[in-house]
C-alpha atoms as a PDB file:
ATOM      1  CA  MET A   1       0.000   0.000   0.000  1.00  0.00           C
ATOM      2  CA  TRP A   2       2.935   2.330   0.356  1.00  0.00           C
ATOM      3  CA  PRO A   3       5.599   2.339  -2.336  1.00  0.00           C
ATOM      4  CA  CYS A   4       4.553   5.085  -4.797  1.00  0.00           C
ATOM      5  CA  ALA A   5       4.222   8.763  -4.359  1.00  0.00           C
ATOM      6  CA  SER A   6       2.891  11.910  -5.933  1.00  0.00           C
ATOM      7  CA  LEU A   7      -0.678  13.246  -5.833  1.00  0.00           C
ATOM      8  CA  THR A   8      -2.375  14.745  -8.893  1.00  0.00           C
ATOM      9  CA  VAL A   9      -5.937  15.526  -9.903  1.00  0.00           C
ATOM     10  CA  ASN A  10      -7.657  13.753 -12.776  1.00  0.00           C
ATOM     11  CA  SER A  11     -11.123  14.809 -13.970  1.00  0.00           C
ATOM     12  CA  GLY A  12     -11.961  16.296 -10.611  1.00  0.00           C
ATOM     13  CA  MET A  13     -11.000  13.169  -8.684  1.00  0.00           C
ATOM     14  CA  LEU A  14      -7.948  12.322  -6.651  1.00  0.00           C
ATOM     15  CA  ARG A  15      -5.326  10.415  -8.604  1.00  0.00           C
ATOM     16  CA  TRP A  16      -1.868   9.262  -7.567  1.00  0.00           C
ATOM     17  CA  SER A  17       0.929   9.354 -10.143  1.00  0.00           C
ATOM     18  CA  SER A  18       4.221   7.447 -10.139  1.00  0.00           C
ATOM     19  CA  SER A  19       6.066  10.498 -11.446  1.00  0.00           C
ATOM     20  CA  ALA A  20       9.162  11.024  -9.337  1.00  0.00           C
ATOM     21  CA  ASP A  21       9.135  14.817  -9.157  1.00  0.00           C
ATOM     22  CA  ARG A  22       6.326  17.199  -8.224  1.00  0.00           C
ATOM     23  CA  HIS A  23       6.591  20.827  -7.157  1.00  0.00           C
ATOM     24  CA  ALA A  24       6.301  21.090  -3.371  1.00  0.00           C
ATOM     25  CA  GLY A  25       3.602  23.735  -3.342  1.00  0.00           C
ATOM     26  CA  GLY A  26       1.392  21.822  -5.710  1.00  0.00           C
ATOM     27  CA  VAL A  27       1.744  18.624  -3.747  1.00  0.00           C
ATOM     28  CA  LEU A  28       0.944  20.262  -0.435  1.00  0.00           C
ATOM     29  CA  CYS A  29      -2.089  22.051  -1.867  1.00  0.00           C
ATOM     30  CA  LEU A  30      -3.399  18.816  -3.274  1.00  0.00           C
ATOM     31  CA  ILE A  31      -2.887  17.071   0.037  1.00  0.00           C
ATOM     32  CA  ALA A  32      -4.986  19.789   1.611  1.00  0.00           C
ATOM     33  CA  ALA A  33      -7.604  19.155  -1.053  1.00  0.00           C
ATOM     34  CA  ALA A  34      -7.539  15.479  -0.172  1.00  0.00           C
ATOM     35  CA  VAL A  35      -8.306  16.323   3.449  1.00  0.00           C
ATOM     36  CA  VAL A  36     -11.420  18.165   2.334  1.00  0.00           C
ATOM     37  CA  PHE A  37     -12.386  15.346  -0.037  1.00  0.00           C
ATOM     38  CA  VAL A  38     -12.039  12.546   2.501  1.00  0.00           C
ATOM     39  CA  ALA A  39     -13.392  14.471   5.495  1.00  0.00           C
ATOM     40  CA  GLY A  40     -16.265  16.143   3.667  1.00  0.00           C
ATOM     41  CA  CYS A  41     -18.983  13.945   5.153  1.00  0.00           C
ATOM     42  CA  THR A  42     -18.786  13.356   8.871  1.00  0.00           C
ATOM     43  CA  ASP A  43     -22.382  12.619   9.746  1.00  0.00           C
ATOM     44  CA  THR A  44     -21.636   9.525  11.776  1.00  0.00           C
ATOM     45  CA  THR A  45     -22.783   9.196  15.356  1.00  0.00           C
ATOM     46  CA  PRO A  46     -19.814   8.915  17.754  1.00  0.00           C
ATOM     47  CA  VAL A  47     -19.462   5.440  19.209  1.00  0.00           C
ATOM     48  CA  VAL A  48     -17.846   4.973  22.581  1.00  0.00           C
ATOM     49  CA  ALA A  49     -15.569   1.951  22.899  1.00  0.00           C
ATOM     50  CA  ASP A  50     -12.560   0.927  24.919  1.00  0.00           C
ATOM     51  CA  PRO A  51      -9.520   0.828  22.581  1.00  0.00           C
ATOM     52  CA  GLU A  52      -7.707  -1.379  25.077  1.00  0.00           C
ATOM     53  CA  GLN A  53     -10.110  -4.151  24.115  1.00  0.00           C
ATOM     54  CA  LEU A  54      -9.086  -3.820  20.466  1.00  0.00           C
ATOM     55  CA  ILE A  55      -5.451  -2.777  20.655  1.00  0.00           C
ATOM     56  CA  ASP A  56      -2.818  -4.739  22.559  1.00  0.00           C
ATOM     57  CA  ARG A  57      -0.691  -1.880  23.923  1.00  0.00           C
ATOM     58  CA  PRO A  58       2.561  -3.285  25.343  1.00  0.00           C
ATOM     59  CA  PRO A  59       4.146  -1.933  28.532  1.00  0.00           C
ATOM     60  CA  GLY A  60       6.003   1.298  27.902  1.00  0.00           C
ATOM     61  CA  PHE A  61       4.081   2.138  24.737  1.00  0.00           C
ATOM     62  CA  PRO A  62       2.214   5.440  24.579  1.00  0.00           C
ATOM     63  CA  GLU A  63      -1.475   5.631  23.819  1.00  0.00           C
ATOM     64  CA  GLN A  64      -2.416   6.215  20.208  1.00  0.00           C
ATOM     65  CA  ALA A  65      -4.207   9.370  19.125  1.00  0.00           C
ATOM     66  CA  PHE A  66      -7.429   8.632  17.243  1.00  0.00           C
ATOM     67  CA  PRO A  67      -9.263  10.987  14.870  1.00  0.00           C
ATOM     68  CA  ALA A  68     -12.463  12.379  16.322  1.00  0.00           C
ATOM     69  CA  ASP A  69     -14.463  10.850  13.470  1.00  0.00           C
ATOM     70  CA  ASN A  70     -12.766   7.456  13.575  1.00  0.00           C
ATOM     71  CA  PHE A  71     -12.522   6.232  17.135  1.00  0.00           C
ATOM     72  CA  PRO A  72     -11.910   2.452  17.041  1.00  0.00           C
ATOM     73  CA  THR A  73     -14.804   0.070  17.571  1.00  0.00           C
ATOM     74  CA  PRO A  74     -15.002  -3.682  16.949  1.00  0.00           C
ATOM     75  CA  GLU A  75     -17.326  -3.107  13.998  1.00  0.00           C
ATOM     76  CA  ARG A  76     -14.942  -0.642  12.350  1.00  0.00           C
ATOM     77  CA  VAL A  77     -11.915  -2.865  12.881  1.00  0.00           C
ATOM     78  CA  ASP A  78     -13.758  -5.902  11.506  1.00  0.00           C
ATOM     79  CA  LEU A  79     -14.835  -4.038   8.379  1.00  0.00           C
ATOM     80  CA  GLY A  80     -11.312  -2.709   7.868  1.00  0.00           C
ATOM     81  CA  LYS A  81      -9.863  -6.182   8.190  1.00  0.00           C
ATOM     82  CA  GLN A  82     -12.338  -7.516   5.638  1.00  0.00           C
ATOM     83  CA  LEU A  83     -11.297  -4.810   3.177  1.00  0.00           C
ATOM     84  CA  PHE A  84      -7.575  -5.190   3.908  1.00  0.00           C
ATOM     85  CA  PHE A  85      -7.614  -8.758   2.573  1.00  0.00           C
ATOM     86  CA  ASP A  86     -10.084  -8.135  -0.286  1.00  0.00           C
ATOM     87  CA  ILE A  87      -8.614  -8.485  -3.803  1.00  0.00           C
ATOM     88  CA  ARG A  88     -11.624  -6.636  -5.212  1.00  0.00           C
ATOM     89  CA  MET A  89      -9.828  -3.493  -4.075  1.00  0.00           C
ATOM     90  CA  SER A  90      -7.619  -3.782  -7.198  1.00  0.00           C
ATOM     91  CA  ALA A  91      -8.591  -3.233 -10.825  1.00  0.00           C
ATOM     92  CA  ASN A  92      -7.897  -6.820 -11.886  1.00  0.00           C
ATOM     93  CA  ARG A  93      -9.060  -8.403  -8.616  1.00  0.00           C
ATOM     94  CA  ASP A  94      -5.585  -9.863  -8.126  1.00  0.00           C
ATOM     95  CA  VAL A  95      -3.972  -7.990  -5.223  1.00  0.00           C
ATOM     96  CA  SER A  96      -5.076  -6.653  -1.847  1.00  0.00           C
ATOM     97  CA  CYS A  97      -3.429  -4.608   0.874  1.00  0.00           C
ATOM     98  CA  ALA A  98      -2.171  -7.896   2.330  1.00  0.00           C
ATOM     99  CA  THR A  99      -0.345  -8.758  -0.894  1.00  0.00           C
ATOM    100  CA  CYS A 100       2.355  -6.226  -0.036  1.00  0.00           C
ATOM    101  CA  HIS A 101       1.763  -6.387   3.716  1.00  0.00           C
ATOM    102  CA  ASP A 102       1.849 -10.037   4.768  1.00  0.00           C
ATOM    103  CA  PRO A 103       1.068 -10.680   8.473  1.00  0.00           C
ATOM    104  CA  ALA A 104       3.711 -13.431   8.616  1.00  0.00           C
ATOM    105  CA  ARG A 105       6.374 -10.927   7.514  1.00  0.00           C
ATOM    106  CA  ALA A 106       5.335  -8.251  10.008  1.00  0.00           C
ATOM    107  CA  PHE A 107       3.069  -6.772   7.328  1.00  0.00           C
ATOM    108  CA  ALA A 108       5.847  -6.290   4.772  1.00  0.00           C
ATOM    109  CA  ASP A 109       6.764  -8.510   1.822  1.00  0.00           C
ATOM    110  CA  ALA A 110       9.844 -10.326   0.525  1.00  0.00           C
ATOM    111  CA  LEU A 111      10.301  -8.394  -2.728  1.00  0.00           C
ATOM    112  CA  PRO A 112      12.836  -5.619  -3.413  1.00  0.00           C
ATOM    113  CA  THR A 113       9.984  -3.468  -4.754  1.00  0.00           C
ATOM    114  CA  SER A 114       6.369  -4.484  -4.559  1.00  0.00           C
ATOM    115  CA  ARG A 115       4.101  -5.500  -7.424  1.00  0.00           C
ATOM    116  CA  GLY A 116       0.597  -4.223  -7.938  1.00  0.00           C
ATOM    117  CA  THR A 117      -2.337  -5.199 -10.102  1.00  0.00           C
ATOM    118  CA  ALA A 118      -1.448  -6.994 -13.351  1.00  0.00           C
ATOM    119  CA  SER A 119       2.027  -7.579 -11.828  1.00  0.00           C
ATOM    120  CA  ARG A 120       2.988  -3.935 -12.374  1.00  0.00           C
ATOM    121  CA  GLN A 121       6.338  -3.184 -10.786  1.00  0.00           C
ATOM    122  CA  GLY A 122       6.519  -0.568  -8.055  1.00  0.00           C
ATOM    123  CA  THR A 123       9.515   1.598  -7.289  1.00  0.00           C
ATOM    124  CA  ARG A 124       9.847   1.171  -3.518  1.00  0.00           C
ATOM    125  CA  ASN A 125      10.144  -1.573  -0.956  1.00  0.00           C
ATOM    126  CA  SER A 126       7.023  -2.123   1.151  1.00  0.00           C
ATOM    127  CA  PRO A 127       7.632  -1.142   4.771  1.00  0.00           C
ATOM    128  CA  SER A 128       6.181  -3.000   7.725  1.00  0.00           C
ATOM    129  CA  LEU A 129       2.837  -1.775   9.034  1.00  0.00           C
ATOM    130  CA  ALA A 130       3.727  -2.723  12.612  1.00  0.00           C
ATOM    131  CA  ASN A 131       2.876   0.250  14.858  1.00  0.00           C
ATOM    132  CA  VAL A 132       1.768   2.311  11.860  1.00  0.00           C
ATOM    133  CA  GLY A 133      -0.865   3.956  14.039  1.00  0.00           C
ATOM    134  CA  TYR A 134       1.904   5.801  15.886  1.00  0.00           C
ATOM    135  CA  LEU A 135       3.441   7.407  12.812  1.00  0.00           C
ATOM    136  CA  PRO A 136       3.048  11.205  12.650  1.00  0.00           C
ATOM    137  CA  TYR A 137       3.171  11.089   8.821  1.00  0.00           C
ATOM    138  CA  LEU A 138       3.061   8.414   6.157  1.00  0.00           C
ATOM    139  CA  MET A 139       5.092   7.432   3.080  1.00  0.00           C
ATOM    140  CA  ARG A 140       8.884   7.329   3.079  1.00  0.00           C
ATOM    141  CA  GLU A 141       9.069  11.066   2.366  1.00  0.00           C
ATOM    142  CA  GLY A 142       6.413  11.905   4.964  1.00  0.00           C
ATOM    143  CA  GLY A 143       4.024  13.564   2.532  1.00  0.00           C
ATOM    144  CA  VAL A 144       0.732  12.172   3.853  1.00  0.00           C
ATOM    145  CA  PRO A 145      -0.473  13.250   7.304  1.00  0.00           C
ATOM    146  CA  THR A 146      -3.011  10.543   8.235  1.00  0.00           C
ATOM    147  CA  LEU A 147      -3.703   6.861   7.743  1.00  0.00           C
ATOM    148  CA  GLU A 148      -7.128   7.676   6.325  1.00  0.00           C
ATOM    149  CA  MET A 149      -5.538   9.759   3.575  1.00  0.00           C
ATOM    150  CA  GLN A 150      -2.722   7.304   2.923  1.00  0.00           C
ATOM    151  CA  ILE A 151      -5.187   4.588   2.018  1.00  0.00           C
ATOM    152  CA  LEU A 152      -6.237   6.658  -1.003  1.00  0.00           C
ATOM    153  CA  VAL A 153      -2.713   6.252  -2.409  1.00  0.00           C
ATOM    154  CA  PRO A 154      -2.727   2.565  -3.385  1.00  0.00           C
ATOM    155  CA  ILE A 155      -6.382   2.613  -4.408  1.00  0.00           C
ATOM    156  CA  GLN A 156      -5.830   5.054  -7.261  1.00  0.00           C
ATOM    157  CA  GLU A 157      -2.126   4.604  -7.988  1.00  0.00           C
ATOM    158  CA  HIS A 158      -1.657   3.045 -11.442  1.00  0.00           C
ATOM    159  CA  VAL A 159       0.964   0.482 -10.431  1.00  0.00           C
ATOM    160  CA  GLU A 160      -0.863  -0.533  -7.259  1.00  0.00           C
ATOM    161  CA  PHE A 161      -4.675  -0.979  -7.273  1.00  0.00           C
ATOM    162  CA  ASP A 162      -5.467   1.318 -10.224  1.00  0.00           C
ATOM    163  CA  LEU A 163      -9.107   2.007  -9.376  1.00  0.00           C
ATOM    164  CA  GLU A 164     -10.840   5.364  -9.307  1.00  0.00           C
ATOM    165  CA  ALA A 165     -12.558   5.714  -5.936  1.00  0.00           C
ATOM    166  CA  PRO A 166     -16.103   5.903  -7.401  1.00  0.00           C
ATOM    167  CA  LEU A 167     -15.526   2.695  -9.372  1.00  0.00           C
ATOM    168  CA  LEU A 168     -14.265   0.909  -6.271  1.00  0.00           C
ATOM    169  CA  VAL A 169     -17.308   2.002  -4.297  1.00  0.00           C
ATOM    170  CA  GLU A 170     -19.643   0.913  -7.083  1.00  0.00           C
ATOM    171  CA  ARG A 171     -17.985  -2.519  -7.127  1.00  0.00           C
ATOM    172  CA  LEU A 172     -18.033  -3.104  -3.377  1.00  0.00           C
ATOM    173  CA  ARG A 173     -21.552  -1.780  -2.867  1.00  0.00           C
ATOM    174  CA  GLN A 174     -22.846  -4.887  -4.604  1.00  0.00           C
ATOM    175  CA  ASP A 175     -21.729  -6.901  -1.558  1.00  0.00           C
ATOM    176  CA  SER A 176     -24.597  -7.059   0.929  1.00  0.00           C
ATOM    177  CA  LEU A 177     -22.309  -8.192   3.758  1.00  0.00           C
ATOM    178  CA  LEU A 178     -20.033  -5.171   3.330  1.00  0.00           C
ATOM    179  CA  GLN A 179     -23.074  -2.909   3.196  1.00  0.00           C
ATOM    180  CA  SER A 180     -24.380  -4.344   6.438  1.00  0.00           C
ATOM    181  CA  MET A 181     -20.962  -4.047   8.087  1.00  0.00           C
ATOM    182  CA  SER A 182     -20.669  -0.432   6.917  1.00  0.00           C
ATOM    183  CA  ARG A 183     -23.974   0.540   8.480  1.00  0.00           C
ATOM    184  CA  SER A 184     -23.056  -1.201  11.727  1.00  0.00           C
ATOM    185  CA  ALA A 185     -19.642   0.464  11.834  1.00  0.00           C
ATOM    186  CA  TYR A 186     -20.399   3.991  10.596  1.00  0.00           C
ATOM    187  CA  ASN A 187     -24.183   4.253  10.329  1.00  0.00           C
ATOM    188  CA  ARG A 188     -23.999   4.972   6.596  1.00  0.00           C
ATOM    189  CA  PRO A 189     -23.797   3.118   3.277  1.00  0.00           C
ATOM    190  CA  LEU A 190     -20.400   1.961   2.069  1.00  0.00           C
ATOM    191  CA  ASP A 191     -18.476   4.774   0.393  1.00  0.00           C
ATOM    192  CA  ILE A 192     -14.874   5.933   0.076  1.00  0.00           C
ATOM    193  CA  TRP A 193     -15.147   7.767   3.397  1.00  0.00           C
ATOM    194  CA  VAL A 194     -16.055   4.482   5.103  1.00  0.00           C
ATOM    195  CA  ILE A 195     -13.474   2.434   3.187  1.00  0.00           C
ATOM    196  CA  THR A 196     -10.554   4.658   4.145  1.00  0.00           C
ATOM    197  CA  ARG A 197     -11.578   4.938   7.761  1.00  0.00           C
ATOM    198  CA  ALA A 198     -12.301   1.257   8.259  1.00  0.00           C
ATOM    199  CA  ILE A 199      -8.934   0.141   6.886  1.00  0.00           C
ATOM    200  CA  ALA A 200      -7.230   2.775   9.031  1.00  0.00           C
ATOM    201  CA  SER A 201      -9.055   1.417  12.093  1.00  0.00           C
ATOM    202  CA  PHE A 202      -7.781  -2.094  11.406  1.00  0.00           C
ATOM    203  CA  GLU A 203      -4.232  -0.860  10.804  1.00  0.00           C
ATOM    204  CA  ARG A 204      -4.197   0.962  14.140  1.00  0.00           C
ATOM    205  CA  THR A 205      -4.597  -2.392  15.865  1.00  0.00           C
ATOM    206  CA  LEU A 206      -1.324  -3.649  14.334  1.00  0.00           C
ATOM    207  CA  VAL A 207       0.779  -2.995  17.415  1.00  0.00           C
ATOM    208  CA  SER A 208       4.016  -4.912  17.959  1.00  0.00           C
ATOM    209  CA  GLY A 209       6.050  -4.655  21.134  1.00  0.00           C
ATOM    210  CA  ARG A 210       6.361  -8.065  22.756  1.00  0.00           C
ATOM    211  CA  SER A 211       9.650  -9.446  21.483  1.00  0.00           C
ATOM    212  CA  ARG A 212      12.253 -11.233  23.591  1.00  0.00           C
ATOM    213  CA  VAL A 213      14.066  -7.918  23.857  1.00  0.00           C
ATOM    214  CA  ASP A 214      11.033  -6.429  25.549  1.00  0.00           C
ATOM    215  CA  ILE A 215      10.858  -9.126  28.208  1.00  0.00           C
ATOM    216  CA  GLY A 216      14.632  -9.338  28.682  1.00  0.00           C
ATOM    217  CA  ASP A 217      14.914 -12.932  27.480  1.00  0.00           C
ATOM    218  CA  LEU A 218      18.271 -12.565  25.702  1.00  0.00           C
ATOM    219  CA  SER A 219      21.203 -14.868  25.067  1.00  0.00           C
ATOM    220  CA  ALA A 220      24.733 -13.736  25.909  1.00  0.00           C
ATOM    221  CA  SER A 221      25.319 -12.790  22.270  1.00  0.00           C
ATOM    222  CA  GLU A 222      22.055 -10.853  22.068  1.00  0.00           C
ATOM    223  CA  GLN A 223      22.835  -9.033  25.306  1.00  0.00           C
ATOM    224  CA  ARG A 224      26.256  -8.013  23.948  1.00  0.00           C
ATOM    225  CA  GLY A 225      24.510  -6.858  20.788  1.00  0.00           C
ATOM    226  CA  LYS A 226      22.147  -4.741  22.840  1.00  0.00           C
ATOM    227  CA  THR A 227      25.114  -3.039  24.479  1.00  0.00           C
ATOM    228  CA  ILE A 228      26.737  -2.447  21.091  1.00  0.00           C
ATOM    229  CA  PHE A 229      23.448  -1.082  19.735  1.00  0.00           C
ATOM    230  CA  SER A 230      23.611   1.608  22.399  1.00  0.00           C
ATOM    231  CA  SER A 231      27.362   2.296  22.441  1.00  0.00           C
ATOM    232  CA  ALA A 232      27.614   2.475  18.625  1.00  0.00           C
ATOM    233  CA  GLY A 233      24.972   5.201  18.569  1.00  0.00           C
ATOM    234  CA  CYS A 234      22.205   3.238  16.859  1.00  0.00           C
ATOM    235  CA  VAL A 235      19.779   4.479  19.509  1.00  0.00           C
ATOM    236  CA  SER A 236      20.206   8.066  18.327  1.00  0.00           C
ATOM    237  CA  CYS A 237      17.881   7.274  15.401  1.00  0.00           C
ATOM    238  CA  HIS A 238      16.323   4.006  16.535  1.00  0.00           C
ATOM    239  CA  GLY A 239      15.552   4.634  20.189  1.00  0.00           C
ATOM    240  CA  GLY A 240      12.409   4.445  22.276  1.00  0.00           C
ATOM    241  CA  PRO A 241       9.739   1.758  22.308  1.00  0.00           C
ATOM    242  CA  LEU A 242       9.132   2.129  18.568  1.00  0.00           C
ATOM    243  CA  TYR A 243      12.836   1.885  17.669  1.00  0.00           C
ATOM    244  CA  THR A 244      12.607   4.979  15.474  1.00  0.00           C
ATOM    245  CA  ASP A 245      12.643   8.716  16.065  1.00  0.00           C
ATOM    246  CA  ASN A 246      10.444   9.240  12.966  1.00  0.00           C
ATOM    247  CA  ARG A 247      12.800  11.904  11.678  1.00  0.00           C
ATOM    248  CA  PHE A 248      14.199  12.180   8.174  1.00  0.00           C
ATOM    249  CA  THR A 249      17.809  11.484   7.292  1.00  0.00           C
ATOM    250  CA  CYS A 250      20.203  10.242   4.617  1.00  0.00           C
ATOM    251  CA  ASN A 251      22.138   7.221   5.864  1.00  0.00           C
ATOM    252  CA  GLY A 252      24.531   7.068   2.904  1.00  0.00           C
ATOM    253  CA  LEU A 253      24.216   3.314   2.469  1.00  0.00           C
ATOM    254  CA  LEU A 254      23.961   3.601  -1.325  1.00  0.00           C
ATOM    255  CA  GLU A 255      26.514   4.954  -3.780  1.00  0.00           C
ATOM    256  CA  THR A 256      23.805   6.573  -5.908  1.00  0.00           C
ATOM    257  CA  TYR A 257      20.154   7.447  -5.296  1.00  0.00           C
ATOM    258  CA  SER A 258      17.764   7.362  -8.236  1.00  0.00           C
ATOM    259  CA  ASP A 259      14.898   8.039  -5.811  1.00  0.00           C
ATOM    260  CA  ARG A 260      15.081  11.662  -4.653  1.00  0.00           C
ATOM    261  CA  GLY A 261      13.474  10.803  -1.318  1.00  0.00           C
ATOM    262  CA  ARG A 262      11.937  13.667   0.636  1.00  0.00           C
ATOM    263  CA  ALA A 263      12.929  16.071  -2.142  1.00  0.00           C
ATOM    264  CA  ARG A 264      10.053  14.599  -4.144  1.00  0.00           C
ATOM    265  CA  LEU A 265       7.803  16.382  -1.671  1.00  0.00           C
ATOM    266  CA  THR A 266       9.787  19.498  -0.789  1.00  0.00           C
ATOM    267  CA  ASN A 267      11.811  20.056  -3.987  1.00  0.00           C
ATOM    268  CA  ASP A 268      14.655  21.066  -1.647  1.00  0.00           C
ATOM    269  CA  PRO A 269      18.134  19.885  -2.760  1.00  0.00           C
ATOM    270  CA  ALA A 270      18.971  19.328   0.917  1.00  0.00           C
ATOM    271  CA  ASP A 271      16.275  16.631   1.011  1.00  0.00           C
ATOM    272  CA  VAL A 272      17.638  14.534  -1.853  1.00  0.00           C
ATOM    273  CA  ALA A 273      18.230  10.937  -0.644  1.00  0.00           C
ATOM    274  CA  VAL A 274      16.577  11.770   2.688  1.00  0.00           C
ATOM    275  CA  PHE A 275      13.978   9.287   3.981  1.00  0.00           C
ATOM    276  CA  ARG A 276      11.967   8.676   7.133  1.00  0.00           C
ATOM    277  CA  VAL A 277      13.876   6.569   9.664  1.00  0.00           C
ATOM    278  CA  PRO A 278      12.174   3.144   9.784  1.00  0.00           C
ATOM    279  CA  SER A 279      11.451   1.142  12.907  1.00  0.00           C
ATOM    280  CA  LEU A 280      13.724  -1.813  13.625  1.00  0.00           C
ATOM    281  CA  ARG A 281      11.003  -3.903  15.220  1.00  0.00           C
ATOM    282  CA  ASN A 282      10.690  -7.240  13.390  1.00  0.00           C
ATOM    283  CA  VAL A 283      13.546  -6.143  11.130  1.00  0.00           C
ATOM    284  CA  ALA A 284      14.690  -9.740  10.636  1.00  0.00           C
ATOM    285  CA  LEU A 285      11.408 -10.455   8.827  1.00  0.00           C
ATOM    286  CA  THR A 286      11.354  -7.523   6.432  1.00  0.00           C
ATOM    287  CA  ALA A 287      14.276  -8.239   4.084  1.00  0.00           C
ATOM    288  CA  PRO A 288      15.323  -7.004   1.574  1.00  0.00           C
ATOM    289  CA  TYR A 289      16.240  -3.611   2.966  1.00  0.00           C
ATOM    290  CA  LEU A 290      16.393   0.129   2.191  1.00  0.00           C
ATOM    291  CA  HIS A 291      13.777   2.092   0.285  1.00  0.00           C
ATOM    292  CA  ASN A 292      14.526   0.216  -2.939  1.00  0.00           C
ATOM    293  CA  GLY A 293      15.117  -3.229  -1.443  1.00  0.00           C
ATOM    294  CA  SER A 294      18.643  -3.318  -2.865  1.00  0.00           C
ATOM    295  CA  VAL A 295      20.341  -4.827   0.207  1.00  0.00           C
ATOM    296  CA  GLU A 296      19.422  -8.469   0.625  1.00  0.00           C
ATOM    297  CA  THR A 297      20.487  -9.311   4.174  1.00  0.00           C
ATOM    298  CA  LEU A 298      20.501  -7.784   7.606  1.00  0.00           C
ATOM    299  CA  ARG A 299      24.197  -8.575   7.986  1.00  0.00           C
ATOM    300  CA  GLU A 300      24.988  -6.579   4.853  1.00  0.00           C
ATOM    301  CA  VAL A 301      23.135  -3.570   6.263  1.00  0.00           C
ATOM    302  CA  ILE A 302      25.191  -3.833   9.466  1.00  0.00           C
ATOM    303  CA  GLU A 303      28.438  -4.150   7.539  1.00  0.00           C
ATOM    304  CA  ARG A 304      27.655  -1.083   5.436  1.00  0.00           C
ATOM    305  CA  TYR A 305      27.044   0.927   8.585  1.00  0.00           C
ATOM    306  CA  ASN A 306      30.204  -0.502  10.118  1.00  0.00           C
ATOM    307  CA  GLN A 307      32.233   0.633   7.106  1.00  0.00           C
ATOM    308  CA  GLY A 308      30.712   4.097   7.238  1.00  0.00           C
ATOM    309  CA  GLY A 309      28.617   3.872   4.098  1.00  0.00           C
ATOM    310  CA  PHE A 310      29.203   6.067   1.064  1.00  0.00           C
ATOM    311  CA  PRO A 311      29.709   9.831   0.792  1.00  0.00           C
ATOM    312  CA  HIS A 312      26.711  11.994  -0.042  1.00  0.00           C
ATOM    313  CA  PRO A 313      26.264  15.756   0.403  1.00  0.00           C
ATOM    314  CA  ASN A 314      23.125  15.181   2.509  1.00  0.00           C
ATOM    315  CA  LYS A 315      24.434  12.289   4.574  1.00  0.00           C
ATOM    316  CA  ASN A 316      23.813  12.442   8.309  1.00  0.00           C
ATOM    317  CA  ALA A 317      27.010  13.944   9.721  1.00  0.00           C
ATOM    318  CA  THR A 318      26.940  11.663  12.760  1.00  0.00           C
ATOM    319  CA  LEU A 319      27.325   8.532  10.635  1.00  0.00           C
ATOM    320  CA  GLY A 320      30.852   7.210  10.197  1.00  0.00           C
ATOM    321  CA  PRO A 321      32.774   3.925  10.478  1.00  0.00           C
ATOM    322  CA  LEU A 322      31.835   2.041  13.642  1.00  0.00           C
ATOM    323  CA  GLY A 323      34.981  -0.012  14.055  1.00  0.00           C
ATOM    324  CA  LEU A 324      33.140  -3.178  15.051  1.00  0.00           C
ATOM    325  CA  SER A 325      34.778  -6.579  14.872  1.00  0.00           C
ATOM    326  CA  ALA A 326      33.202  -9.512  13.050  1.00  0.00           C
ATOM    327  CA  LEU A 327      32.043 -10.854  16.423  1.00  0.00           C
ATOM    328  CA  ASP A 328      30.558  -7.478  17.319  1.00  0.00           C
ATOM    329  CA  CYS A 329      28.613  -7.435  14.044  1.00  0.00           C
ATOM    330  CA  ALA A 330      27.329 -10.952  14.720  1.00  0.00           C
ATOM    331  CA  ASP A 331      26.206  -9.956  18.211  1.00  0.00           C
ATOM    332  CA  LEU A 332      24.506  -6.824  16.900  1.00  0.00           C
ATOM    333  CA  GLU A 333      22.670  -8.884  14.302  1.00  0.00           C
ATOM    334  CA  ALA A 334      21.603 -11.353  16.995  1.00  0.00           C
ATOM    335  CA  PHE A 335      20.132  -8.502  19.044  1.00  0.00           C
ATOM    336  CA  LEU A 336      18.230  -7.110  16.060  1.00  0.00           C
ATOM    337  CA  ARG A 337      16.815 -10.553  15.308  1.00  0.00           C
ATOM    338  CA  ALA A 338      15.610 -10.758  18.903  1.00  0.00           C
ATOM    339  CA  LEU A 339      13.305  -7.811  18.125  1.00  0.00           C
ATOM    340  CA  THR A 340      11.067 -10.256  16.257  1.00  0.00           C
ATOM    341  CA  ASP A 341       7.627 -10.377  17.850  1.00  0.00           C
ATOM    342  CA  ASP A 342       6.233 -13.863  17.209  1.00  0.00           C
ATOM    343  CA  ARG A 343       3.039 -13.053  19.052  1.00  0.00           C
ATOM    344  CA  PHE A 344       2.421 -10.260  16.551  1.00  0.00           C
ATOM    345  CA  THR A 345       3.173 -12.232  13.396  1.00  0.00           C
ATOM    346  CA  THR A 346       1.025 -15.219  14.417  1.00  0.00           C
ATOM    347  CA  ASN A 347      -1.908 -13.335  15.932  1.00  0.00           C
ATOM    348  CA  PRO A 348      -5.135 -14.765  14.456  1.00  0.00           C
ATOM    349  CA  ARG A 349      -6.785 -11.352  14.879  1.00  0.00           C
ATOM    350  CA  PHE A 350      -4.595 -10.118  12.044  1.00  0.00           C
ATOM    351  CA  ARG A 351      -5.383 -12.971   9.645  1.00  0.00           C
ATOM    352  CA  PRO A 352      -8.311 -13.261   7.218  1.00  0.00           C
END
């Protein structure tokens, strides 16, 4: 659901284009237009529910902030889950959200760059959706402010689902079960407003924070790796319970960057090759790595950091050679693998 980027308008409707470069002002104005489009009808009756019954919030995790018009309820989460796994969301009825976001892989996939309807090739690696409800902005360049808006991206993006929103609604409205679920969840017929909010409600339940690291069940090697993780400065970008600071940076792990990164949004040369810092939770399950999936193994990522990466004018100035031994690198990898949350990846609540 995530790999592509820029927002355009086509015949008065929202449309996402795979073009790499858009002027910042135009993009931001169109995002504002999308807010109006998606939030235009808010005639639902507020439903009071206890999110703790729907969302397994681990110790030390903050509470999520929920939109006023999309507080989680069992009915909304159930509808969102139904839609998340529904291949009718795509033009050729061949891919769903789960195609690129597999529960067994921490809601990522195993491809360098994801494929959409009709096997169209995307340009970015699908990130994990674990803890996506905590993100302050979406997409690797941070150009989308809410989950509800982000869901419009794959629906209308040519290389992903390739469906105009009205056509999707017309298709799904023929399903009496979905219609009934929509009325139970939002007190209104199924429409794009309901579709985006229901999927967002389901995605906010995808919380992961119960790995062996979290309970302190570590081997000697993993414990040494944890110490190295801190002493080598990894925590400066990957700290806290989410193992990310959600900032934007260039890590210099590639010699060249064909993807302009955050500059696609801002058009600022200082943002070329700059991307949102990803979480390291379940990182062992989300290979291949980097925004373009060009690094196959976790060990190779560690070794590139250890060597200091490659020069780039926008590279984070704090990143340099780490001076770790082969044993240190092995211990660091062992620690990162211990961030795998088996309870999360096998949870039947996240399966169709």
